[in-house]
């Protein structure tokens, strides 16, 4: 696999560093999916887990939407793939689910996330609150959480990709 990711400069300011690492991990997930067919991307390759590369991309579209629209902006755009009846719907794929749709949706949510975050300083509090605790979050916390979320799921993506076609790489 060709690696087209870029780490942030080692001397970057804090915001550039946080945004750079978030973009690096976004690029890593896209890289792990590159070159596979829709069927391979839908493959849950480590039974009994339902995790697939396409499911991870759909999940991250939901996560981007949740943190940068619902929490940061206090918007209620509604879910993309899940519902009350199917809370893990992003992972429940059918033959009708395509990479083209999943990737376009994910990228659209990333674009919205970037635009929304641009209006906040790192110490600015979110307009929305946690559904569980009612707390607000500063943008720094959201960025740090998103980096953690992507890093964890990129570890899953490493294992899934290797199982699907044997490709490895950090």
C-alpha atoms as a PDB file:
ATOM      1  CA  UNK A   1       0.000   0.000   0.000  1.00  0.00           C
ATOM      2  CA  UNK A   2       1.239   3.483  -0.839  1.00  0.00           C
ATOM      3  CA  UNK A   3       1.342   5.796   2.160  1.00  0.00           C
ATOM      4  CA  UNK A   4       0.126   9.341   1.447  1.00  0.00           C
ATOM      5  CA  UNK A   5      -0.111  10.577   5.044  1.00  0.00           C
ATOM      6  CA  UNK A   6       1.705  13.540   6.498  1.00  0.00           C
ATOM      7  CA  UNK A   7       2.614  14.003  10.165  1.00  0.00           C
ATOM      8  CA  UNK A   8       2.443  17.557  11.492  1.00  0.00           C
ATOM      9  CA  UNK A   9       5.693  19.456  11.929  1.00  0.00           C
ATOM     10  CA  UNK A  10       7.469  18.653  15.180  1.00  0.00           C
ATOM     11  CA  UNK A  11       7.607  22.356  16.025  1.00  0.00           C
ATOM     12  CA  UNK A  12       4.024  23.280  15.114  1.00  0.00           C
ATOM     13  CA  UNK A  13       1.851  25.314  17.465  1.00  0.00           C
ATOM     14  CA  UNK A  14      -0.749  23.428  19.478  1.00  0.00           C
ATOM     15  CA  UNK A  15      -3.734  23.908  17.181  1.00  0.00           C
ATOM     16  CA  UNK A  16      -1.765  23.033  14.060  1.00  0.00           C
ATOM     17  CA  UNK A  17      -0.435  19.962  15.859  1.00  0.00           C
ATOM     18  CA  UNK A  18      -3.874  18.770  16.979  1.00  0.00           C
ATOM     19  CA  UNK A  19      -5.466  19.375  13.589  1.00  0.00           C
ATOM     20  CA  UNK A  20      -2.457  17.771  11.898  1.00  0.00           C
ATOM     21  CA  UNK A  21      -2.653  14.586  13.956  1.00  0.00           C
ATOM     22  CA  UNK A  22      -6.413  14.375  13.437  1.00  0.00           C
ATOM     23  CA  UNK A  23      -5.940  14.697   9.674  1.00  0.00           C
ATOM     24  CA  UNK A  24      -3.115  12.137   9.802  1.00  0.00           C
ATOM     25  CA  UNK A  25      -5.431   9.608  11.405  1.00  0.00           C
ATOM     26  CA  UNK A  26      -8.256  10.431   8.972  1.00  0.00           C
ATOM     27  CA  UNK A  27      -5.786   9.788   6.131  1.00  0.00           C
ATOM     28  CA  UNK A  28      -4.686   6.541   7.769  1.00  0.00           C
ATOM     29  CA  UNK A  29      -8.219   5.133   7.745  1.00  0.00           C
ATOM     30  CA  UNK A  30      -8.661   6.108   4.086  1.00  0.00           C
ATOM     31  CA  UNK A  31      -5.292   4.501   3.303  1.00  0.00           C
ATOM     32  CA  UNK A  32      -6.318   1.246   4.988  1.00  0.00           C
ATOM     33  CA  UNK A  33      -9.365   1.103   2.691  1.00  0.00           C
ATOM     34  CA  UNK A  34      -7.600   2.019  -0.552  1.00  0.00           C
ATOM     35  CA  UNK A  35      -7.617  -0.456  -3.415  1.00  0.00           C
ATOM     36  CA  UNK A  36     -10.278  -2.827  -2.090  1.00  0.00           C
ATOM     37  CA  UNK A  37     -13.575  -3.808  -3.672  1.00  0.00           C
ATOM     38  CA  UNK A  38     -16.909  -3.010  -2.060  1.00  0.00           C
ATOM     39  CA  UNK A  39     -17.226  -6.676  -1.101  1.00  0.00           C
ATOM     40  CA  UNK A  40     -13.814  -6.635   0.609  1.00  0.00           C
ATOM     41  CA  UNK A  41     -14.642  -3.380   2.397  1.00  0.00           C
ATOM     42  CA  UNK A  42     -17.896  -4.922   3.680  1.00  0.00           C
ATOM     43  CA  UNK A  43     -16.104  -8.053   4.927  1.00  0.00           C
ATOM     44  CA  UNK A  44     -16.266  -8.605   8.670  1.00  0.00           C
ATOM     45  CA  UNK A  45     -13.101 -10.642   8.701  1.00  0.00           C
ATOM     46  CA  UNK A  46     -12.626 -11.553  12.357  1.00  0.00           C
ATOM     47  CA  UNK A  47     -15.635 -13.516  13.589  1.00  0.00           C
ATOM     48  CA  UNK A  48     -17.709 -13.035  15.637  1.00  0.00           C
ATOM     49  CA  UNK A  49     -17.017  -9.296  15.278  1.00  0.00           C
ATOM     50  CA  UNK A  50     -19.105  -7.344  12.769  1.00  0.00           C
ATOM     51  CA  UNK A  51     -16.296  -4.814  12.236  1.00  0.00           C
ATOM     52  CA  UNK A  52     -15.459  -4.140   8.616  1.00  0.00           C
ATOM     53  CA  UNK A  53     -13.489  -1.375   6.974  1.00  0.00           C
ATOM     54  CA  UNK A  54     -16.628   0.144   5.449  1.00  0.00           C
ATOM     55  CA  UNK A  55     -18.365  -0.119   8.805  1.00  0.00           C
ATOM     56  CA  UNK A  56     -15.474   1.723  10.468  1.00  0.00           C
ATOM     57  CA  UNK A  57     -15.689   4.519   7.890  1.00  0.00           C
ATOM     58  CA  UNK A  58     -19.449   4.791   8.406  1.00  0.00           C
ATOM     59  CA  UNK A  59     -18.889   4.787  12.179  1.00  0.00           C
ATOM     60  CA  UNK A  60     -16.351   7.597  11.912  1.00  0.00           C
ATOM     61  CA  UNK A  61     -18.802   9.612   9.802  1.00  0.00           C
ATOM     62  CA  UNK A  62     -21.243   9.272  12.710  1.00  0.00           C
ATOM     63  CA  UNK A  63     -18.522  10.212  15.226  1.00  0.00           C
ATOM     64  CA  UNK A  64     -17.469  13.299  13.238  1.00  0.00           C
ATOM     65  CA  UNK A  65     -21.145  14.284  13.016  1.00  0.00           C
ATOM     66  CA  UNK A  66     -21.723  13.698  16.721  1.00  0.00           C
ATOM     67  CA  UNK A  67     -18.783  15.722  18.019  1.00  0.00           C
ATOM     68  CA  UNK A  68     -18.516  18.540  15.509  1.00  0.00           C
ATOM     69  CA  UNK A  69     -22.210  19.076  14.826  1.00  0.00           C
ATOM     70  CA  UNK A  70     -24.204  17.796  17.793  1.00  0.00           C
ATOM     71  CA  UNK A  71     -21.812  18.643  20.613  1.00  0.00           C
ATOM     72  CA  UNK A  72     -19.728  21.525  19.248  1.00  0.00           C
ATOM     73  CA  UNK A  73     -22.544  23.350  17.451  1.00  0.00           C
ATOM     74  CA  UNK A  74     -25.607  22.014  19.324  1.00  0.00           C
ATOM     75  CA  UNK A  75     -27.204  20.921  16.043  1.00  0.00           C
ATOM     76  CA  UNK A  76     -29.481  17.925  15.658  1.00  0.00           C
ATOM     77  CA  UNK A  77     -28.806  16.603  12.162  1.00  0.00           C
ATOM     78  CA  UNK A  78     -30.064  13.118  13.073  1.00  0.00           C
ATOM     79  CA  UNK A  79     -28.165   9.884  12.599  1.00  0.00           C
ATOM     80  CA  UNK A  80     -26.771   8.704   9.296  1.00  0.00           C
ATOM     81  CA  UNK A  81     -26.787   4.940   9.679  1.00  0.00           C
ATOM     82  CA  UNK A  82     -28.061   3.965  13.117  1.00  0.00           C
ATOM     83  CA  UNK A  83     -31.460   4.175  14.753  1.00  0.00           C
ATOM     84  CA  UNK A  84     -33.074   3.407  18.082  1.00  0.00           C
ATOM     85  CA  UNK A  85     -34.023   0.029  16.637  1.00  0.00           C
ATOM     86  CA  UNK A  86     -30.469  -0.573  15.337  1.00  0.00           C
ATOM     87  CA  UNK A  87     -27.976   1.373  17.489  1.00  0.00           C
ATOM     88  CA  UNK A  88     -25.029  -0.230  15.639  1.00  0.00           C
ATOM     89  CA  UNK A  89     -26.521   0.273  12.180  1.00  0.00           C
ATOM     90  CA  UNK A  90     -23.324   1.680  10.714  1.00  0.00           C
ATOM     91  CA  UNK A  91     -21.789  -1.786  11.074  1.00  0.00           C
ATOM     92  CA  UNK A  92     -24.765  -3.691   9.635  1.00  0.00           C
ATOM     93  CA  UNK A  93     -23.940  -3.679   5.951  1.00  0.00           C
ATOM     94  CA  UNK A  94     -25.806  -5.117   2.983  1.00  0.00           C
ATOM     95  CA  UNK A  95     -24.860  -5.690  -0.641  1.00  0.00           C
ATOM     96  CA  UNK A  96     -26.496  -2.321  -1.411  1.00  0.00           C
ATOM     97  CA  UNK A  97     -23.970  -0.415   0.735  1.00  0.00           C
ATOM     98  CA  UNK A  98     -21.150   1.047  -1.357  1.00  0.00           C
ATOM     99  CA  UNK A  99     -17.746   2.526  -0.717  1.00  0.00           C
ATOM    100  CA  UNK A 100     -18.628   5.477  -2.923  1.00  0.00           C
ATOM    101  CA  UNK A 101     -21.513   6.450  -0.636  1.00  0.00           C
ATOM    102  CA  UNK A 102     -19.709   5.700   2.642  1.00  0.00           C
ATOM    103  CA  UNK A 103     -16.577   7.608   1.616  1.00  0.00           C
ATOM    104  CA  UNK A 104     -18.515  10.610   0.269  1.00  0.00           C
ATOM    105  CA  UNK A 105     -20.601  10.807   3.452  1.00  0.00           C
ATOM    106  CA  UNK A 106     -17.519  10.543   5.674  1.00  0.00           C
ATOM    107  CA  UNK A 107     -15.673  13.222   3.706  1.00  0.00           C
ATOM    108  CA  UNK A 108     -18.706  15.523   3.837  1.00  0.00           C
ATOM    109  CA  UNK A 109     -18.813  15.187   7.632  1.00  0.00           C
ATOM    110  CA  UNK A 110     -15.068  15.911   7.832  1.00  0.00           C
ATOM    111  CA  UNK A 111     -15.556  19.057   5.731  1.00  0.00           C
ATOM    112  CA  UNK A 112     -18.365  20.219   8.043  1.00  0.00           C
ATOM    113  CA  UNK A 113     -16.220  19.389  11.096  1.00  0.00           C
ATOM    114  CA  UNK A 114     -13.379  21.545   9.786  1.00  0.00           C
ATOM    115  CA  UNK A 115     -15.692  24.480   9.038  1.00  0.00           C
ATOM    116  CA  UNK A 116     -17.386  24.256  12.434  1.00  0.00           C
ATOM    117  CA  UNK A 117     -14.112  23.962  14.366  1.00  0.00           C
ATOM    118  CA  UNK A 118     -12.626  26.949  12.510  1.00  0.00           C
ATOM    119  CA  UNK A 119     -15.019  29.221  14.416  1.00  0.00           C
ATOM    120  CA  UNK A 120     -13.744  28.111  17.831  1.00  0.00           C
ATOM    121  CA  UNK A 121     -10.570  28.636  19.813  1.00  0.00           C
ATOM    122  CA  UNK A 122      -9.062  25.632  21.583  1.00  0.00           C
ATOM    123  CA  UNK A 123     -10.381  26.864  24.949  1.00  0.00           C
ATOM    124  CA  UNK A 124     -13.873  27.768  23.660  1.00  0.00           C
ATOM    125  CA  UNK A 125     -16.653  25.616  25.064  1.00  0.00           C
ATOM    126  CA  UNK A 126     -19.036  23.657  22.905  1.00  0.00           C
ATOM    127  CA  UNK A 127     -22.530  25.011  22.368  1.00  0.00           C
ATOM    128  CA  UNK A 128     -23.942  21.549  23.040  1.00  0.00           C
ATOM    129  CA  UNK A 129     -23.475  19.283  26.024  1.00  0.00           C
ATOM    130  CA  UNK A 130     -22.767  15.655  26.742  1.00  0.00           C
ATOM    131  CA  UNK A 131     -25.903  13.544  26.619  1.00  0.00           C
ATOM    132  CA  UNK A 132     -24.683  11.627  29.637  1.00  0.00           C
ATOM    133  CA  UNK A 133     -23.155  14.158  32.008  1.00  0.00           C
ATOM    134  CA  UNK A 134     -24.482  17.459  30.667  1.00  0.00           C
ATOM    135  CA  UNK A 135     -20.919  18.796  30.513  1.00  0.00           C
ATOM    136  CA  UNK A 136     -19.578  21.093  27.836  1.00  0.00           C
ATOM    137  CA  UNK A 137     -16.272  20.377  26.093  1.00  0.00           C
ATOM    138  CA  UNK A 138     -13.591  22.710  24.853  1.00  0.00           C
ATOM    139  CA  UNK A 139     -12.348  22.236  21.303  1.00  0.00           C
ATOM    140  CA  UNK A 140      -8.991  20.963  22.579  1.00  0.00           C
ATOM    141  CA  UNK A 141     -10.762  18.067  24.359  1.00  0.00           C
ATOM    142  CA  UNK A 142     -12.795  17.262  21.244  1.00  0.00           C
ATOM    143  CA  UNK A 143      -9.683  17.218  19.053  1.00  0.00           C
ATOM    144  CA  UNK A 144      -7.840  15.015  21.537  1.00  0.00           C
ATOM    145  CA  UNK A 145     -10.785  12.642  21.797  1.00  0.00           C
ATOM    146  CA  UNK A 146     -11.108  12.429  18.009  1.00  0.00           C
ATOM    147  CA  UNK A 147      -7.407  11.595  17.650  1.00  0.00           C
ATOM    148  CA  UNK A 148      -7.866   8.830  20.242  1.00  0.00           C
ATOM    149  CA  UNK A 149     -10.997   7.552  18.500  1.00  0.00           C
ATOM    150  CA  UNK A 150      -9.311   7.358  15.099  1.00  0.00           C
ATOM    151  CA  UNK A 151      -6.111   5.848  16.518  1.00  0.00           C
ATOM    152  CA  UNK A 152      -8.060   3.067  18.226  1.00  0.00           C
ATOM    153  CA  UNK A 153     -10.109   2.272  15.134  1.00  0.00           C
ATOM    154  CA  UNK A 154      -7.054   2.477  12.880  1.00  0.00           C
ATOM    155  CA  UNK A 155      -5.640  -0.363  14.956  1.00  0.00           C
ATOM    156  CA  UNK A 156      -8.776  -2.336  14.140  1.00  0.00           C
ATOM    157  CA  UNK A 157      -8.411  -1.344  10.477  1.00  0.00           C
ATOM    158  CA  UNK A 158      -4.817  -2.692  10.446  1.00  0.00           C
ATOM    159  CA  UNK A 159      -6.003  -6.124  11.536  1.00  0.00           C
ATOM    160  CA  UNK A 160      -9.036  -6.182   9.258  1.00  0.00           C
ATOM    161  CA  UNK A 161      -7.009  -5.127   6.205  1.00  0.00           C
ATOM    162  CA  UNK A 162      -4.360  -7.745   6.858  1.00  0.00           C
ATOM    163  CA  UNK A 163      -7.044 -10.408   7.177  1.00  0.00           C
ATOM    164  CA  UNK A 164      -8.818  -9.278   3.982  1.00  0.00           C
ATOM    165  CA  UNK A 165      -5.828  -9.231   1.618  1.00  0.00           C
ATOM    166  CA  UNK A 166      -2.616  -9.591   3.628  1.00  0.00           C
ATOM    167  CA  UNK A 167      -1.592  -5.932   3.253  1.00  0.00           C
ATOM    168  CA  UNK A 168       0.203  -4.457   6.246  1.00  0.00           C
ATOM    169  CA  UNK A 169       1.805  -1.159   7.127  1.00  0.00           C
ATOM    170  CA  UNK A 170       1.755   1.312   9.973  1.00  0.00           C
END
